[in-house]
């Protein structure tokens, strides 16, 4: 028996302990693996403190979107949407999906454009409910049948790139038209800070050589958010100083159920579900890449940890995403919708996990604590009201980062001139006219410009197989 295994077995572990090299204990629950904090994994204070600010910051952007897009006028009513979403954030780690979940963020600007075609009020709320429930159904079908990978593989690269570029253009238009006029200097400086921390090659090289800068860089857009909270109201005076309130976040689920869900407004017309299909498929195609990325992150983190096996199952991840979207679609329709991964949040945890057993005894302690602490954070009214004046800035930051990221991902996807041309034209239509017109444009252009070439490739491939 190796020295590592001997030391592992001797060490005291106050909770349920796994055997060396096996999975952390869980309760079997159909396709899920239920893990309860302080029973199946330890509480990690580092992840808890990180989630305290990040959780409220994410909530802030979501609340701003809810108020802006769905026309929710009362701040505390919008907070109720956010708190339920935070509870749904906790589901993946609780049910055995080893990720830090997030939104389907690249699809958000397209979703906002899509909803813009409906009158604000009951009509738009019904459209959002129909869209989110359709997305939940797609996740469910893909998770149970395994069709997700096949669907994404048969879609031409020019159309995939067009979807991503369209999301980027829509995000940029949202920043310029809706966010920038509110606080121009704060938005511009915050976005520049975020771009440097996330995308600067010089800063990346600096972080590789220095642990302190690496730790700071791992915080993603947090420095930009801190600037918005501290400097913007004091120096630039573009947003008001926070009015700190004490206590627990007040919630009003009764009002939300009565005025924003099927239980008070009735079930949306079937035509809204049919109209939602192109947007829902677009959202799923965007979200699919997160399953691939999540597996890569988990595999890369766990390869150095021989003491623990971490099971990532794309089917289970699809089912958890379906559950989260169904809950929100029924009880508090959530415009950003629920995606399988928040990459920067997961990377922050896995970097600590890779430091070894003494640092983090179980992978689940990291991801479980992070999202459990998010729920606690959004219930702390002083934290929420501290960040409240900057909620709109956070929304703008999210869109600006999305515009940049979609730009380089979309361009990287499109490797041929014909694909770039199709992708760009499709992206413009998608961003301005919505997903139905955008997808139709992409399909028609692909058929006329690249379809014949694809058929010839397929024919040659078939002939080679026969030979």
Protein backbone atom coordinates (compact mmCIF):
# COMPACT_ATOMS: atom_id res chain seq x y z
CA UNK A 1 0.00 0.00 0.00
CA UNK A 2 1.42 3.40 -0.99
CA UNK A 3 2.27 6.09 1.55
CA UNK A 4 -0.41 8.38 0.04
CA UNK A 5 -3.18 5.84 0.69
CA UNK A 6 -1.95 5.13 4.23
CA UNK A 7 -1.97 8.85 5.11
CA UNK A 8 -5.41 9.27 3.52
CA UNK A 9 -6.86 6.43 5.62
CA UNK A 10 -5.31 7.71 8.87
CA UNK A 11 -6.52 11.29 8.52
CA UNK A 12 -9.61 12.15 10.55
CA UNK A 13 -12.59 13.14 8.45
CA UNK A 14 -15.63 14.19 10.52
CA UNK A 15 -18.12 13.52 7.73
CA UNK A 16 -18.89 10.53 5.50
CA UNK A 17 -15.57 9.50 4.02
CA UNK A 18 -14.89 7.79 0.70
CA UNK A 19 -12.41 5.03 0.01
CA UNK A 20 -9.20 6.16 -1.69
CA UNK A 21 -9.78 6.68 -5.40
CA UNK A 22 -13.57 6.33 -5.21
CA UNK A 23 -16.50 8.75 -5.34
CA UNK A 24 -17.57 10.85 -2.39
CA UNK A 25 -20.58 9.17 -0.65
CA UNK A 26 -24.08 10.06 -1.90
CA UNK A 27 -27.70 8.97 -1.75
CA UNK A 28 -28.92 7.32 -4.96
CA UNK A 29 -31.92 9.19 -6.35
CA UNK A 30 -32.79 7.81 -9.79
CA UNK A 31 -30.31 9.32 -12.27
CA UNK A 32 -29.13 11.75 -9.57
CA UNK A 33 -26.62 11.48 -6.71
CA UNK A 34 -27.89 13.46 -3.72
CA UNK A 35 -25.24 15.07 -1.50
CA UNK A 36 -26.12 17.10 1.61
CA UNK A 37 -23.73 19.73 3.00
CA UNK A 38 -22.13 18.90 6.36
CA UNK A 39 -23.19 15.26 5.79
CA UNK A 40 -21.58 14.29 2.50
CA UNK A 41 -18.98 17.06 2.25
CA UNK A 42 -17.23 19.68 4.37
CA UNK A 43 -18.02 23.38 4.35
CA UNK A 44 -15.29 25.35 2.54
CA UNK A 45 -14.94 28.86 3.94
CA UNK A 46 -12.80 30.12 1.05
CA UNK A 47 -15.56 29.27 -1.45
CA UNK A 48 -18.19 30.63 0.92
CA UNK A 49 -16.55 34.07 1.16
CA UNK A 50 -15.99 34.19 -2.62
CA UNK A 51 -19.67 33.40 -3.22
CA UNK A 52 -20.85 36.11 -0.82
CA UNK A 53 -19.90 38.91 -3.21
CA UNK A 54 -20.07 37.05 -6.52
CA UNK A 55 -23.51 35.64 -5.72
CA UNK A 56 -24.98 39.07 -4.98
CA UNK A 57 -23.24 40.58 -8.02
CA UNK A 58 -24.79 37.95 -10.31
CA UNK A 59 -28.13 38.45 -8.60
CA UNK A 60 -27.80 42.17 -9.27
CA UNK A 61 -27.47 41.72 -13.02
CA UNK A 62 -30.36 39.23 -13.04
CA UNK A 63 -32.62 41.54 -11.04
CA UNK A 64 -31.81 44.46 -13.35
CA UNK A 65 -32.69 42.30 -16.38
CA UNK A 66 -35.94 41.15 -14.75
CA UNK A 67 -37.01 44.72 -13.98
CA UNK A 68 -35.99 46.02 -17.39
CA UNK A 69 -37.30 43.25 -19.68
CA UNK A 70 -40.34 41.91 -17.82
CA UNK A 71 -41.36 45.32 -16.50
CA UNK A 72 -41.16 44.39 -12.81
CA UNK A 73 -41.33 47.79 -11.11
CA UNK A 74 -40.85 46.76 -7.46
CA UNK A 75 -37.23 46.02 -6.53
CA UNK A 76 -38.12 43.47 -3.85
CA UNK A 77 -40.47 41.61 -6.19
CA UNK A 78 -37.61 41.32 -8.68
CA UNK A 79 -35.40 40.08 -5.82
CA UNK A 80 -37.85 37.23 -5.27
CA UNK A 81 -37.14 36.03 -8.82
CA UNK A 82 -33.40 36.19 -8.06
CA UNK A 83 -33.60 34.28 -4.77
CA UNK A 84 -35.51 31.40 -6.38
CA UNK A 85 -32.89 31.33 -9.15
CA UNK A 86 -30.14 31.19 -6.51
CA UNK A 87 -31.84 28.14 -4.98
CA UNK A 88 -31.84 26.55 -8.44
CA UNK A 89 -28.08 27.30 -8.68
CA UNK A 90 -27.62 24.90 -5.79
CA UNK A 91 -29.38 21.98 -7.51
CA UNK A 92 -26.51 20.72 -9.74
CA UNK A 93 -24.00 20.12 -6.92
CA UNK A 94 -26.79 18.73 -4.73
CA UNK A 95 -27.91 16.27 -7.43
CA UNK A 96 -24.46 15.10 -8.52
CA UNK A 97 -23.60 17.45 -11.41
CA UNK A 98 -20.02 18.64 -10.66
CA UNK A 99 -20.34 22.18 -12.01
CA UNK A 100 -20.89 25.76 -10.93
CA UNK A 101 -24.03 26.52 -12.98
CA UNK A 102 -24.92 29.85 -14.51
CA UNK A 103 -27.10 31.41 -17.19
CA UNK A 104 -27.23 30.69 -20.91
CA UNK A 105 -25.39 34.01 -21.09
CA UNK A 106 -24.51 34.17 -24.83
CA UNK A 107 -28.20 33.65 -25.63
CA UNK A 108 -29.31 36.49 -23.31
CA UNK A 109 -29.09 39.37 -25.84
CA UNK A 110 -30.96 37.24 -28.38
CA UNK A 111 -33.61 36.41 -25.78
CA UNK A 112 -34.05 40.13 -25.02
CA UNK A 113 -34.41 40.87 -28.76
CA UNK A 114 -36.90 38.00 -29.10
CA UNK A 115 -39.04 39.23 -26.20
CA UNK A 116 -38.92 42.78 -27.57
CA UNK A 117 -41.42 41.71 -30.24
CA UNK A 118 -44.07 41.26 -27.52
CA UNK A 119 -45.87 44.02 -25.63
CA UNK A 120 -44.52 44.48 -22.12
CA UNK A 121 -46.95 43.03 -19.61
CA UNK A 122 -48.93 39.77 -19.75
CA UNK A 123 -48.09 39.10 -23.42
CA UNK A 124 -44.32 39.32 -22.84
CA UNK A 125 -44.49 37.31 -19.59
CA UNK A 126 -46.42 34.56 -21.41
CA UNK A 127 -43.81 34.62 -24.20
CA UNK A 128 -41.02 34.21 -21.63
CA UNK A 129 -42.83 31.34 -19.86
CA UNK A 130 -43.39 29.55 -23.19
CA UNK A 131 -39.73 30.02 -24.16
CA UNK A 132 -38.28 28.78 -20.86
CA UNK A 133 -40.57 25.75 -20.67
CA UNK A 134 -39.66 24.89 -24.28
CA UNK A 135 -35.97 25.14 -23.40
CA UNK A 136 -36.59 22.87 -20.39
CA UNK A 137 -38.29 20.33 -22.66
CA UNK A 138 -35.36 20.37 -25.12
CA UNK A 139 -32.86 19.79 -22.27
CA UNK A 140 -35.05 16.92 -21.04
CA UNK A 141 -35.31 15.24 -24.45
CA UNK A 142 -31.60 15.68 -25.18
CA UNK A 143 -30.67 14.38 -21.73
CA UNK A 144 -32.80 11.25 -21.93
CA UNK A 145 -32.13 10.34 -25.59
CA UNK A 146 -28.56 11.54 -26.15
CA UNK A 147 -29.69 13.47 -29.26
CA UNK A 148 -27.96 16.68 -28.16
CA UNK A 149 -24.56 15.80 -29.60
CA UNK A 150 -26.08 14.56 -32.88
CA UNK A 151 -28.13 17.76 -33.27
CA UNK A 152 -25.15 20.04 -32.74
CA UNK A 153 -22.90 17.95 -35.03
CA UNK A 154 -25.24 18.14 -38.04
CA UNK A 155 -25.58 21.95 -37.87
CA UNK A 156 -23.19 23.58 -40.38
CA UNK A 157 -20.29 25.52 -38.88
CA UNK A 158 -21.31 28.72 -40.68
CA UNK A 159 -24.70 28.66 -38.92
CA UNK A 160 -23.13 27.90 -35.50
CA UNK A 161 -20.73 30.81 -35.98
CA UNK A 162 -23.59 33.05 -37.09
CA UNK A 163 -25.51 32.27 -33.89
CA UNK A 164 -22.53 33.18 -31.72
CA UNK A 165 -21.73 36.36 -33.69
CA UNK A 166 -25.40 37.34 -33.61
CA UNK A 167 -25.40 37.03 -29.83
CA UNK A 168 -22.31 39.27 -29.71
CA UNK A 169 -23.84 41.95 -31.94
CA UNK A 170 -27.09 41.91 -29.95
CA UNK A 171 -25.11 42.27 -26.70
CA UNK A 172 -23.13 45.22 -28.09
CA UNK A 173 -26.30 46.97 -29.29
CA UNK A 174 -27.84 46.52 -25.84
CA UNK A 175 -24.84 48.18 -24.17
CA UNK A 176 -24.77 51.11 -26.62
CA UNK A 177 -28.52 51.74 -26.74
CA UNK A 178 -29.74 50.84 -23.24
CA UNK A 179 -26.81 50.84 -20.79
CA UNK A 180 -24.33 53.51 -21.92
CA UNK A 181 -26.72 56.49 -21.67
CA UNK A 182 -27.38 55.70 -17.97
CA UNK A 183 -23.76 56.00 -16.75
CA UNK A 184 -21.39 56.50 -19.71
CA UNK A 185 -18.07 57.00 -17.88
CA UNK A 186 -18.71 54.23 -15.37
CA UNK A 187 -19.71 51.77 -18.10
CA UNK A 188 -16.70 52.61 -20.32
CA UNK A 189 -14.12 52.39 -17.51
CA UNK A 190 -15.70 49.26 -15.96
CA UNK A 191 -15.74 47.51 -19.34
CA UNK A 192 -12.08 48.41 -19.95
CA UNK A 193 -11.11 47.01 -16.54
CA UNK A 194 -13.05 43.82 -17.24
CA UNK A 195 -11.44 43.43 -20.69
CA UNK A 196 -7.94 43.84 -19.24
CA UNK A 197 -8.51 41.29 -16.47
CA UNK A 198 -10.20 38.78 -18.75
CA UNK A 199 -8.59 39.17 -22.17
CA UNK A 200 -5.28 41.11 -21.97
CA UNK A 201 -2.34 38.97 -23.15
CA UNK A 202 0.09 41.06 -21.08
CA UNK A 203 -1.98 40.56 -17.92
CA UNK A 204 -2.29 36.85 -18.69
CA UNK A 205 1.51 36.53 -18.90
CA UNK A 206 1.87 38.51 -15.68
CA UNK A 207 -0.58 36.18 -13.91
CA UNK A 208 1.37 33.11 -15.09
CA UNK A 209 4.53 34.41 -13.44
CA UNK A 210 3.04 35.78 -10.22
CA UNK A 211 0.64 33.96 -7.84
CA UNK A 212 -0.89 37.20 -6.49
CA UNK A 213 -1.77 38.49 -9.96
CA UNK A 214 -3.04 35.01 -10.87
CA UNK A 215 -5.37 35.09 -7.86
CA UNK A 216 -6.62 38.55 -8.84
CA UNK A 217 -7.09 37.53 -12.49
CA UNK A 218 -9.12 34.50 -11.40
CA UNK A 219 -11.75 36.87 -9.98
CA UNK A 220 -12.90 37.66 -13.52
CA UNK A 221 -15.09 40.78 -13.69
CA UNK A 222 -15.13 41.32 -9.89
CA UNK A 223 -12.55 44.19 -10.00
CA UNK A 224 -14.73 45.96 -12.57
CA UNK A 225 -17.78 45.43 -10.36
CA UNK A 226 -15.92 46.79 -7.33
CA UNK A 227 -15.04 49.89 -9.35
CA UNK A 228 -18.72 50.38 -10.16
CA UNK A 229 -19.74 50.00 -6.50
CA UNK A 230 -17.01 52.20 -4.96
CA UNK A 231 -15.66 54.71 -7.49
CA UNK A 232 -18.77 55.39 -9.59
CA UNK A 233 -20.94 56.88 -6.79
CA UNK A 234 -18.11 58.66 -4.93
CA UNK A 235 -15.91 60.03 -7.73
CA UNK A 236 -17.92 59.94 -10.95
CA UNK A 237 -21.27 60.47 -9.20
CA UNK A 238 -23.14 58.67 -11.98
CA UNK A 239 -24.96 56.34 -9.59
CA UNK A 240 -26.24 57.10 -6.08
CA UNK A 241 -24.55 56.00 -2.87
CA UNK A 242 -26.06 52.82 -1.45
CA UNK A 243 -28.75 53.04 1.20
CA UNK A 244 -27.83 50.11 3.44
CA UNK A 245 -30.79 48.23 4.92
CA UNK A 246 -30.49 45.60 7.63
CA UNK A 247 -32.25 42.31 8.04
CA UNK A 248 -33.20 39.41 5.79
CA UNK A 249 -34.16 39.97 2.15
CA UNK A 250 -37.98 40.32 2.05
CA UNK A 251 -39.63 37.97 -0.43
CA UNK A 252 -43.13 37.89 -1.91
CA UNK A 253 -43.65 34.61 -3.73
CA UNK A 254 -47.42 35.02 -3.50
CA UNK A 255 -47.33 38.22 -5.56
CA UNK A 256 -44.96 36.67 -8.11
CA UNK A 257 -47.16 33.59 -8.52
CA UNK A 258 -50.27 35.72 -8.97
CA UNK A 259 -48.85 38.25 -11.43
CA UNK A 260 -45.99 36.58 -13.32
CA UNK A 261 -46.76 32.84 -13.62
CA UNK A 262 -49.28 30.41 -15.12
CA UNK A 263 -50.94 30.12 -11.70
CA UNK A 264 -52.18 33.71 -11.88
CA UNK A 265 -52.06 34.57 -15.59
CA UNK A 266 -53.10 31.22 -17.04
CA UNK A 267 -51.22 28.99 -19.45
CA UNK A 268 -49.68 30.67 -22.55
CA UNK A 269 -51.36 30.09 -25.89
CA UNK A 270 -49.93 27.14 -27.86
CA UNK A 271 -48.90 29.54 -30.64
CA UNK A 272 -46.34 31.12 -28.27
CA UNK A 273 -44.70 27.71 -27.77
CA UNK A 274 -44.50 27.19 -31.53
CA UNK A 275 -42.99 30.67 -32.04
CA UNK A 276 -40.49 29.96 -29.25
CA UNK A 277 -38.99 26.87 -30.92
CA UNK A 278 -36.32 28.66 -33.04
CA UNK A 279 -35.15 30.73 -30.05
CA UNK A 280 -35.20 27.67 -27.77
CA UNK A 281 -33.12 25.62 -30.24
CA UNK A 282 -30.71 28.54 -30.58
CA UNK A 283 -30.32 28.68 -26.79
CA UNK A 284 -29.68 24.93 -26.61
CA UNK A 285 -27.08 25.01 -29.40
CA UNK A 286 -25.28 27.79 -27.49
CA UNK A 287 -25.55 25.93 -24.17
CA UNK A 288 -24.30 22.63 -25.63
CA UNK A 289 -20.70 23.84 -25.78
CA UNK A 290 -20.85 24.33 -21.99
CA UNK A 291 -21.31 20.57 -21.50
CA UNK A 292 -18.11 19.95 -23.47
CA UNK A 293 -16.22 22.67 -21.60
CA UNK A 294 -17.50 21.46 -18.21
CA UNK A 295 -16.19 17.94 -18.87
CA UNK A 296 -12.80 19.32 -19.92
CA UNK A 297 -12.51 21.44 -16.75
CA UNK A 298 -13.54 18.57 -14.47
CA UNK A 299 -11.19 16.08 -16.18
CA UNK A 300 -8.28 18.51 -16.08
CA UNK A 301 -8.81 19.22 -12.37
CA UNK A 302 -9.29 15.63 -11.23
CA UNK A 303 -6.43 14.02 -13.16
CA UNK A 304 -4.07 15.22 -10.41
CA UNK A 305 -6.28 13.96 -7.58
CA UNK A 306 -5.89 10.18 -7.36
CA UNK A 307 -7.75 10.13 -4.04
CA UNK A 308 -11.16 10.99 -5.53
CA UNK A 309 -13.20 10.03 -8.59
CA UNK A 310 -15.52 12.76 -9.88
CA UNK A 311 -18.26 11.59 -12.24
CA UNK A 312 -19.39 14.07 -14.93
CA UNK A 313 -22.36 12.79 -16.93
CA UNK A 314 -23.64 14.99 -19.78
CA UNK A 315 -27.04 13.26 -19.63
CA UNK A 316 -27.43 14.08 -15.94
CA UNK A 317 -26.27 17.65 -16.58
CA UNK A 318 -28.96 18.01 -19.26
CA UNK A 319 -31.60 16.70 -16.84
CA UNK A 320 -30.54 19.12 -14.08
CA UNK A 321 -30.65 22.02 -16.58
CA UNK A 322 -34.13 20.86 -17.63
CA UNK A 323 -35.27 20.82 -13.99
CA UNK A 324 -33.90 24.28 -13.25
CA UNK A 325 -35.53 25.83 -16.32
CA UNK A 326 -38.83 24.08 -15.58
CA UNK A 327 -38.87 25.42 -12.00
CA UNK A 328 -38.13 28.97 -13.10
CA UNK A 329 -40.51 28.80 -16.07
CA UNK A 330 -43.35 27.72 -13.79
CA UNK A 331 -42.69 29.80 -10.66
CA UNK A 332 -40.59 32.87 -11.68
CA UNK A 333 -39.74 33.16 -15.42
CA UNK A 334 -36.04 34.03 -15.68
CA UNK A 335 -34.92 35.97 -18.77
CA UNK A 336 -31.24 34.79 -18.75
CA UNK A 337 -32.51 31.18 -18.46
CA UNK A 338 -30.48 28.44 -16.79
CA UNK A 339 -27.34 27.04 -18.40
CA UNK A 340 -25.07 24.18 -17.35
CA UNK A 341 -21.92 26.14 -16.54
CA UNK A 342 -20.40 29.33 -15.17
CA UNK A 343 -16.84 28.65 -16.33
CA UNK A 344 -14.98 31.34 -14.36
CA UNK A 345 -16.71 30.29 -11.13
CA UNK A 346 -15.82 26.62 -11.64
CA UNK A 347 -12.22 27.41 -12.62
CA UNK A 348 -11.73 29.39 -9.41
CA UNK A 349 -12.74 26.32 -7.38
CA UNK A 350 -10.83 23.73 -9.40
CA UNK A 351 -7.61 25.72 -9.08
CA UNK A 352 -7.83 25.26 -5.31
CA UNK A 353 -8.92 21.64 -5.64
CA UNK A 354 -5.78 20.85 -7.65
CA UNK A 355 -3.64 21.94 -4.69
CA UNK A 356 -4.44 18.61 -3.04
CA UNK A 357 -6.38 16.84 -0.30
CA UNK A 358 -5.23 19.07 2.61
CA UNK A 359 -6.60 22.14 0.76
CA UNK A 360 -9.95 20.65 -0.28
CA UNK A 361 -10.87 17.18 0.93
CA UNK A 362 -13.60 16.67 -1.65
CA UNK A 363 -14.46 18.29 -4.97
CA UNK A 364 -18.06 18.51 -3.78
CA UNK A 365 -17.06 20.65 -0.83
CA UNK A 366 -15.98 23.34 -3.33
CA UNK A 367 -18.93 23.37 -5.73
CA UNK A 368 -21.50 22.57 -3.05
CA UNK A 369 -20.35 25.27 -0.65
CA UNK A 370 -20.05 27.90 -3.38
CA UNK A 371 -23.67 27.73 -4.45
CA UNK A 372 -25.05 27.08 -0.96
CA UNK A 373 -23.27 30.25 0.18
CA UNK A 374 -24.77 32.10 -2.81
CA UNK A 375 -28.24 31.35 -1.43
CA UNK A 376 -27.20 32.64 2.01
CA UNK A 377 -25.65 35.77 0.47
CA UNK A 378 -28.76 36.82 -1.47
CA UNK A 379 -30.79 36.54 1.72
CA UNK A 380 -28.53 39.08 3.49
CA UNK A 381 -30.23 42.43 2.90
CA UNK A 382 -27.17 44.60 3.80
CA UNK A 383 -25.14 42.92 1.04
CA UNK A 384 -27.96 43.23 -1.48
CA UNK A 385 -28.63 46.91 -0.75
CA UNK A 386 -24.87 47.69 -0.82
CA UNK A 387 -24.68 46.49 -4.41
CA UNK A 388 -28.15 47.67 -5.50
CA UNK A 389 -27.16 51.05 -7.11
CA UNK A 390 -24.75 49.23 -9.46
CA UNK A 391 -27.20 46.57 -10.68
CA UNK A 392 -27.67 48.30 -14.05
CA UNK A 393 -23.89 48.63 -14.45
CA UNK A 394 -23.49 44.90 -13.80
CA UNK A 395 -26.05 44.20 -16.54
CA UNK A 396 -24.04 46.38 -18.95
CA UNK A 397 -20.79 44.65 -17.94
CA UNK A 398 -22.30 41.23 -18.58
CA UNK A 399 -23.41 42.29 -22.06
CA UNK A 400 -20.08 43.97 -22.92
CA UNK A 401 -18.03 40.92 -21.91
CA UNK A 402 -20.43 38.74 -23.87
CA UNK A 403 -19.97 40.89 -26.98
CA UNK A 404 -16.18 40.50 -26.84
CA UNK A 405 -16.24 36.78 -26.06
CA UNK A 406 -18.81 36.01 -28.78
CA UNK A 407 -16.68 37.96 -31.24
CA UNK A 408 -13.52 35.92 -30.86
CA UNK A 409 -15.36 32.59 -30.43
CA UNK A 410 -17.50 33.21 -33.52
CA UNK A 411 -14.53 34.29 -35.66
CA UNK A 412 -12.52 31.28 -34.49
CA UNK A 413 -15.39 28.99 -35.48
CA UNK A 414 -15.60 30.40 -39.01
CA UNK A 415 -12.43 29.31 -40.80
CA UNK A 416 -13.44 29.81 -44.46
CA UNK A 417 -14.37 33.01 -46.29
CA UNK A 418 -17.77 31.67 -47.36
CA UNK A 419 -18.55 30.66 -43.75
CA UNK A 420 -17.53 34.08 -42.46
CA UNK A 421 -19.78 35.81 -44.97
CA UNK A 422 -22.79 33.59 -44.17
CA UNK A 423 -22.13 33.90 -40.45
CA UNK A 424 -21.92 37.69 -40.49
CA UNK A 425 -25.06 38.25 -42.58
CA UNK A 426 -26.97 35.75 -40.44
CA UNK A 427 -25.64 37.42 -37.26
CA UNK A 428 -26.92 40.85 -38.29
CA UNK A 429 -30.40 39.51 -39.09
CA UNK A 430 -30.40 37.44 -35.90
CA UNK A 431 -29.45 40.40 -33.69
CA UNK A 432 -31.92 42.84 -35.23
CA UNK A 433 -34.85 40.71 -36.42
CA UNK A 434 -34.69 37.79 -33.97
CA UNK A 435 -33.91 34.06 -34.05
CA UNK A 436 -36.59 32.92 -36.53
CA UNK A 437 -35.47 35.35 -39.24
CA UNK A 438 -31.80 34.79 -38.37
CA UNK A 439 -31.92 30.98 -38.54
CA UNK A 440 -33.96 31.08 -41.77
CA UNK A 441 -31.43 33.48 -43.31
CA UNK A 442 -28.52 31.25 -42.28
CA UNK A 443 -30.15 28.08 -43.67
CA UNK A 444 -31.02 29.69 -47.03
CA UNK A 445 -27.54 31.19 -47.45
CA UNK A 446 -25.88 27.89 -46.50
CA UNK A 447 -28.00 25.94 -49.02
CA UNK A 448 -27.16 28.32 -51.87
CA UNK A 449 -23.48 28.95 -51.04
CA UNK A 450 -22.11 25.91 -49.18
CA UNK A 451 -24.77 23.22 -49.55
CA UNK A 452 -23.45 21.79 -52.82
CA UNK A 453 -19.91 21.58 -51.42
CA UNK A 454 -21.16 19.76 -48.31
CA UNK A 455 -23.09 17.25 -50.43
CA UNK A 456 -20.01 16.60 -52.59
CA UNK A 457 -17.91 15.99 -49.45
CA UNK A 458 -20.53 13.57 -48.17
CA UNK A 459 -20.62 11.72 -51.52
CA UNK A 460 -16.80 11.40 -51.64
CA UNK A 461 -16.80 10.13 -48.05
CA UNK A 462 -19.43 7.48 -48.89
CA UNK A 463 -17.41 6.35 -51.93
CA UNK A 464 -14.28 5.98 -49.80
CA UNK A 465 -16.19 3.86 -47.30
CA UNK A 466 -17.51 1.62 -50.09
CA UNK A 467 -13.99 1.27 -51.55
